[in-house]
């Protein structure tokens, strides 16, 4: 039996899905167009936009790429893009691990 998905995880997935759907609509793209560009089927795109947590990471990344927001997604989780991340890296990571 699968473990239940924590509330915060479900909430985050739903927000990501909403954001991707908004990006799609802002660009006047249909679900079919984005699905084709991302190499996924429309049902899978719909599941992602609804925030279903069973959709794979590669689907999310391919859709973000198709919408032109992949670089922003990657930057959003880059620890070196935040003062706290940079400070912690100086304290925690050995010199050879830093970029």
Protein backbone atom coordinates (compact mmCIF):
# COMPACT_ATOMS: atom_id res chain seq x y z
CA UNK A 1 0.00 0.00 0.00
CA UNK A 2 1.33 3.45 -0.93
CA UNK A 3 2.11 5.87 1.86
CA UNK A 4 -0.20 8.88 2.09
CA UNK A 5 1.21 12.04 0.56
CA UNK A 6 1.82 14.75 3.19
CA UNK A 7 -0.53 17.74 3.04
CA UNK A 8 2.24 20.26 2.30
CA UNK A 9 3.49 18.09 -0.57
CA UNK A 10 -0.01 17.86 -2.07
CA UNK A 11 -0.48 21.58 -1.62
CA UNK A 12 2.85 22.33 -3.31
CA UNK A 13 1.99 20.04 -6.23
CA UNK A 14 -1.37 21.76 -6.64
CA UNK A 15 0.24 25.20 -6.65
CA UNK A 16 2.87 24.11 -9.19
CA UNK A 17 0.12 22.71 -11.40
CA UNK A 18 -1.87 25.94 -11.14
CA UNK A 19 1.21 27.98 -12.03
CA UNK A 20 1.94 25.85 -15.08
CA UNK A 21 -1.68 26.10 -16.22
CA UNK A 22 -1.52 29.89 -15.80
CA UNK A 23 1.70 30.07 -17.84
CA UNK A 24 0.02 28.02 -20.56
CA UNK A 25 -3.00 30.31 -20.65
CA UNK A 26 -0.88 33.48 -20.58
CA UNK A 27 0.78 32.21 -23.75
CA UNK A 28 -2.58 31.38 -25.37
CA UNK A 29 -1.57 27.74 -25.71
CA UNK A 30 -3.99 24.84 -25.59
CA UNK A 31 -3.36 21.81 -23.45
CA UNK A 32 -2.90 19.81 -26.65
CA UNK A 33 -0.20 22.20 -27.90
CA UNK A 34 1.77 22.10 -24.65
CA UNK A 35 1.41 18.34 -24.33
CA UNK A 36 2.76 17.89 -27.86
CA UNK A 37 5.69 20.25 -27.26
CA UNK A 38 6.49 18.49 -23.98
CA UNK A 39 6.18 15.00 -25.46
CA UNK A 40 3.41 13.91 -23.10
CA UNK A 41 -0.25 13.12 -23.62
CA UNK A 42 -3.03 15.54 -22.71
CA UNK A 43 -4.27 13.39 -19.84
CA UNK A 44 -0.83 13.47 -18.22
CA UNK A 45 -0.63 17.24 -18.65
CA UNK A 46 -4.06 17.53 -17.05
CA UNK A 47 -2.94 15.43 -14.09
CA UNK A 48 0.11 17.68 -13.68
CA UNK A 49 -2.00 20.85 -13.88
CA UNK A 50 -4.36 19.42 -11.24
CA UNK A 51 -1.42 18.80 -8.93
CA UNK A 52 -1.55 15.02 -8.88
CA UNK A 53 1.60 13.83 -7.14
CA UNK A 54 1.98 10.67 -9.21
CA UNK A 55 3.19 12.61 -12.25
CA UNK A 56 6.91 12.09 -12.76
CA UNK A 57 9.59 14.74 -12.42
CA UNK A 58 10.56 14.37 -16.08
CA UNK A 59 7.00 15.28 -17.10
CA UNK A 60 7.12 18.39 -14.92
CA UNK A 61 10.49 19.42 -16.36
CA UNK A 62 9.42 18.77 -19.96
CA UNK A 63 6.28 20.87 -19.50
CA UNK A 64 8.27 23.66 -17.84
CA UNK A 65 10.66 23.57 -20.81
CA UNK A 66 7.76 23.66 -23.29
CA UNK A 67 6.41 26.74 -21.51
CA UNK A 68 9.82 28.45 -21.42
CA UNK A 69 10.10 28.49 -17.62
CA UNK A 70 12.56 25.65 -17.01
CA UNK A 71 15.49 27.97 -16.26
CA UNK A 72 13.40 29.84 -13.68
CA UNK A 73 12.36 26.54 -12.05
CA UNK A 74 15.98 25.38 -11.81
CA UNK A 75 17.11 28.75 -10.43
CA UNK A 76 14.33 28.70 -7.84
CA UNK A 77 15.93 25.75 -6.07
CA UNK A 78 19.57 26.78 -6.52
CA UNK A 79 21.00 27.27 -3.02
CA UNK A 80 23.65 29.62 -4.37
CA UNK A 81 20.92 32.03 -5.47
CA UNK A 82 20.07 32.89 -1.85
CA UNK A 83 22.15 34.63 0.82
CA UNK A 84 21.39 31.84 3.31
CA UNK A 85 22.44 29.14 0.84
CA UNK A 86 25.69 30.91 0.00
CA UNK A 87 26.49 31.46 3.69
CA UNK A 88 25.77 27.84 4.58
CA UNK A 89 27.83 26.60 1.63
CA UNK A 90 30.82 28.55 2.91
CA UNK A 91 30.40 26.91 6.33
CA UNK A 92 29.40 23.37 5.38
CA UNK A 93 30.73 22.40 1.96
CA UNK A 94 34.39 21.62 1.39
CA UNK A 95 36.14 23.94 -1.04
CA UNK A 96 36.32 21.30 -3.79
CA UNK A 97 32.52 20.82 -3.82
CA UNK A 98 31.65 24.48 -4.40
CA UNK A 99 30.93 25.55 -7.97
